[in-house]
Amino acid sequence: MTPVTLEYNWSYTIRMKTAVSIRDEVFNAAEHTASVMGISRSQLYTKAIEEFISRHSCEHVTERLNAVYEGADSNSSLDSKLEHLQFLSLPSDDKW
């Protein structure tokens, strides 16, 4: 008797398969690019999506920082005493 497993086989491959609709000219350009690069269409799309995500992941950090620093009672200027102490800490021979 074969034991029953609780695992589910979502796919016969390790990778996710998906279908997308793109314009013909984009598809043709991707086919050409993959051919020139000597990689598969899947590899090209994976690289393109990874690059896109990498480029845009910083935007969320900027949005969160902006949310922290904006607000009616937010003041990004230094306290005048702290500013003066920082000025005093500079070497006297420092030339700007």
C-alpha atoms as a PDB file:
ATOM      1  CA  MET A   1       0.000   0.000   0.000  1.00  0.00           C
ATOM      2  CA  THR A   2       1.299   3.459  -0.949  1.00  0.00           C
ATOM      3  CA  PRO A   3       1.431   5.912   1.986  1.00  0.00           C
ATOM      4  CA  VAL A   4      -0.640   9.092   1.664  1.00  0.00           C
ATOM      5  CA  THR A   5       1.344  12.334   1.682  1.00  0.00           C
ATOM      6  CA  LEU A   6       0.046  15.711   2.717  1.00  0.00           C
ATOM      7  CA  GLU A   7       2.081  17.553   0.099  1.00  0.00           C
ATOM      8  CA  TYR A   8       0.438  19.052  -2.951  1.00  0.00           C
ATOM      9  CA  ASN A   9       2.185  19.143  -6.311  1.00  0.00           C
ATOM     10  CA  TRP A  10       1.364  22.617  -7.677  1.00  0.00           C
ATOM     11  CA  SER A  11       3.340  22.065 -10.845  1.00  0.00           C
ATOM     12  CA  TYR A  12       5.513  19.519 -12.493  1.00  0.00           C
ATOM     13  CA  THR A  13       8.367  22.030 -12.441  1.00  0.00           C
ATOM     14  CA  ILE A  14       9.957  24.052  -9.666  1.00  0.00           C
ATOM     15  CA  ARG A  15       9.356  27.318 -11.498  1.00  0.00           C
ATOM     16  CA  MET A  16       6.099  29.225 -11.762  1.00  0.00           C
ATOM     17  CA  LYS A  17       4.473  29.198 -15.147  1.00  0.00           C
ATOM     18  CA  THR A  18       2.328  32.138 -16.163  1.00  0.00           C
ATOM     19  CA  ALA A  19       0.665  33.588 -19.223  1.00  0.00           C
ATOM     20  CA  VAL A  20       0.768  37.273 -20.113  1.00  0.00           C
ATOM     21  CA  SER A  21      -0.520  39.326 -23.017  1.00  0.00           C
ATOM     22  CA  ILE A  22       1.890  41.730 -24.672  1.00  0.00           C
ATOM     23  CA  ARG A  23       1.850  43.702 -27.894  1.00  0.00           C
ATOM     24  CA  ASP A  24       3.215  41.943 -30.976  1.00  0.00           C
ATOM     25  CA  GLU A  25       6.040  44.451 -31.424  1.00  0.00           C
ATOM     26  CA  VAL A  26       7.198  43.944 -27.834  1.00  0.00           C
ATOM     27  CA  PHE A  27       7.064  40.173 -28.254  1.00  0.00           C
ATOM     28  CA  ASN A  28       9.035  40.345 -31.510  1.00  0.00           C
ATOM     29  CA  ALA A  29      11.648  42.622 -29.948  1.00  0.00           C
ATOM     30  CA  ALA A  30      11.947  40.245 -26.986  1.00  0.00           C
ATOM     31  CA  GLU A  31      12.358  37.265 -29.300  1.00  0.00           C
ATOM     32  CA  HIS A  32      15.098  39.079 -31.207  1.00  0.00           C
ATOM     33  CA  THR A  33      16.842  40.220 -28.014  1.00  0.00           C
ATOM     34  CA  ALA A  34      16.773  36.730 -26.498  1.00  0.00           C
ATOM     35  CA  SER A  35      18.182  35.295 -29.724  1.00  0.00           C
ATOM     36  CA  VAL A  36      20.991  37.872 -29.877  1.00  0.00           C
ATOM     37  CA  MET A  37      21.818  37.272 -26.204  1.00  0.00           C
ATOM     38  CA  GLY A  38      21.699  33.507 -26.659  1.00  0.00           C
ATOM     39  CA  ILE A  39      19.178  32.997 -23.868  1.00  0.00           C
ATOM     40  CA  SER A  40      15.654  31.629 -23.729  1.00  0.00           C
ATOM     41  CA  ARG A  41      12.576  33.826 -23.770  1.00  0.00           C
ATOM     42  CA  SER A  42      11.875  32.785 -20.166  1.00  0.00           C
ATOM     43  CA  GLN A  43      15.380  33.843 -19.109  1.00  0.00           C
ATOM     44  CA  LEU A  44      14.953  37.203 -20.832  1.00  0.00           C
ATOM     45  CA  TYR A  45      11.589  37.862 -19.194  1.00  0.00           C
ATOM     46  CA  THR A  46      12.948  36.798 -15.807  1.00  0.00           C
ATOM     47  CA  LYS A  47      15.931  39.146 -16.135  1.00  0.00           C
ATOM     48  CA  ALA A  48      13.691  41.999 -17.271  1.00  0.00           C
ATOM     49  CA  ILE A  49      11.266  41.566 -14.385  1.00  0.00           C
ATOM     50  CA  GLU A  50      14.095  41.261 -11.841  1.00  0.00           C
ATOM     51  CA  GLU A  51      15.646  44.481 -13.144  1.00  0.00           C
ATOM     52  CA  PHE A  52      12.299  46.281 -13.087  1.00  0.00           C
ATOM     53  CA  ILE A  53      11.650  45.203  -9.487  1.00  0.00           C
ATOM     54  CA  SER A  54      15.168  46.212  -8.453  1.00  0.00           C
ATOM     55  CA  ARG A  55      14.776  49.673  -9.996  1.00  0.00           C
ATOM     56  CA  HIS A  56      11.435  50.348  -8.392  1.00  0.00           C
ATOM     57  CA  SER A  57      12.014  48.827  -4.956  1.00  0.00           C
ATOM     58  CA  CYS A  58      13.743  52.046  -3.850  1.00  0.00           C
ATOM     59  CA  GLU A  59      10.597  54.050  -4.528  1.00  0.00           C
ATOM     60  CA  HIS A  60       8.861  52.466  -1.559  1.00  0.00           C
ATOM     61  CA  VAL A  61      11.717  53.449   0.733  1.00  0.00           C
ATOM     62  CA  THR A  62      11.513  57.047  -0.485  1.00  0.00           C
ATOM     63  CA  GLU A  63       7.739  57.091  -0.017  1.00  0.00           C
ATOM     64  CA  ARG A  64       8.075  55.820   3.551  1.00  0.00           C
ATOM     65  CA  LEU A  65      10.806  58.330   4.385  1.00  0.00           C
ATOM     66  CA  ASN A  66       8.731  61.145   2.910  1.00  0.00           C
ATOM     67  CA  ALA A  67       5.785  60.052   5.063  1.00  0.00           C
ATOM     68  CA  VAL A  68       7.982  60.170   8.167  1.00  0.00           C
ATOM     69  CA  TYR A  69       9.359  63.627   7.442  1.00  0.00           C
ATOM     70  CA  GLU A  70       6.236  65.345   6.186  1.00  0.00           C
ATOM     71  CA  GLY A  71       3.649  66.591   8.577  1.00  0.00           C
ATOM     72  CA  ALA A  72       2.433  69.803  10.110  1.00  0.00           C
ATOM     73  CA  ASP A  73       4.590  69.573  13.240  1.00  0.00           C
ATOM     74  CA  SER A  74       7.673  68.162  11.515  1.00  0.00           C
ATOM     75  CA  ASN A  75      10.734  70.390  11.576  1.00  0.00           C
ATOM     76  CA  SER A  76      13.871  69.198   9.809  1.00  0.00           C
ATOM     77  CA  SER A  77      16.076  72.107  10.921  1.00  0.00           C
ATOM     78  CA  LEU A  78      18.637  71.670  13.688  1.00  0.00           C
ATOM     79  CA  ASP A  79      18.182  73.119  17.092  1.00  0.00           C
ATOM     80  CA  SER A  80      20.210  76.354  17.163  1.00  0.00           C
ATOM     81  CA  LYS A  81      22.305  75.214  20.170  1.00  0.00           C
ATOM     82  CA  LEU A  82      23.144  71.910  18.476  1.00  0.00           C
ATOM     83  CA  GLU A  83      23.994  73.735  15.275  1.00  0.00           C
ATOM     84  CA  HIS A  84      26.347  76.024  17.209  1.00  0.00           C
ATOM     85  CA  LEU A  85      28.020  73.051  18.945  1.00  0.00           C
ATOM     86  CA  GLN A  86      28.533  71.349  15.601  1.00  0.00           C
ATOM     87  CA  PHE A  87      30.078  74.516  14.231  1.00  0.00           C
ATOM     88  CA  LEU A  88      32.443  74.699  17.216  1.00  0.00           C
ATOM     89  CA  SER A  89      33.508  71.080  16.650  1.00  0.00           C
ATOM     90  CA  LEU A  90      34.920  71.905  13.193  1.00  0.00           C
ATOM     91  CA  PRO A  91      38.688  72.347  13.051  1.00  0.00           C
ATOM     92  CA  SER A  92      39.644  76.002  12.954  1.00  0.00           C
ATOM     93  CA  ASP A  93      41.971  75.459   9.990  1.00  0.00           C
ATOM     94  CA  ASP A  94      39.206  73.888   7.892  1.00  0.00           C
ATOM     95  CA  LYS A  95      38.999  75.837   4.629  1.00  0.00           C
ATOM     96  CA  TRP A  96      35.780  75.815   2.664  1.00  0.00           C
END
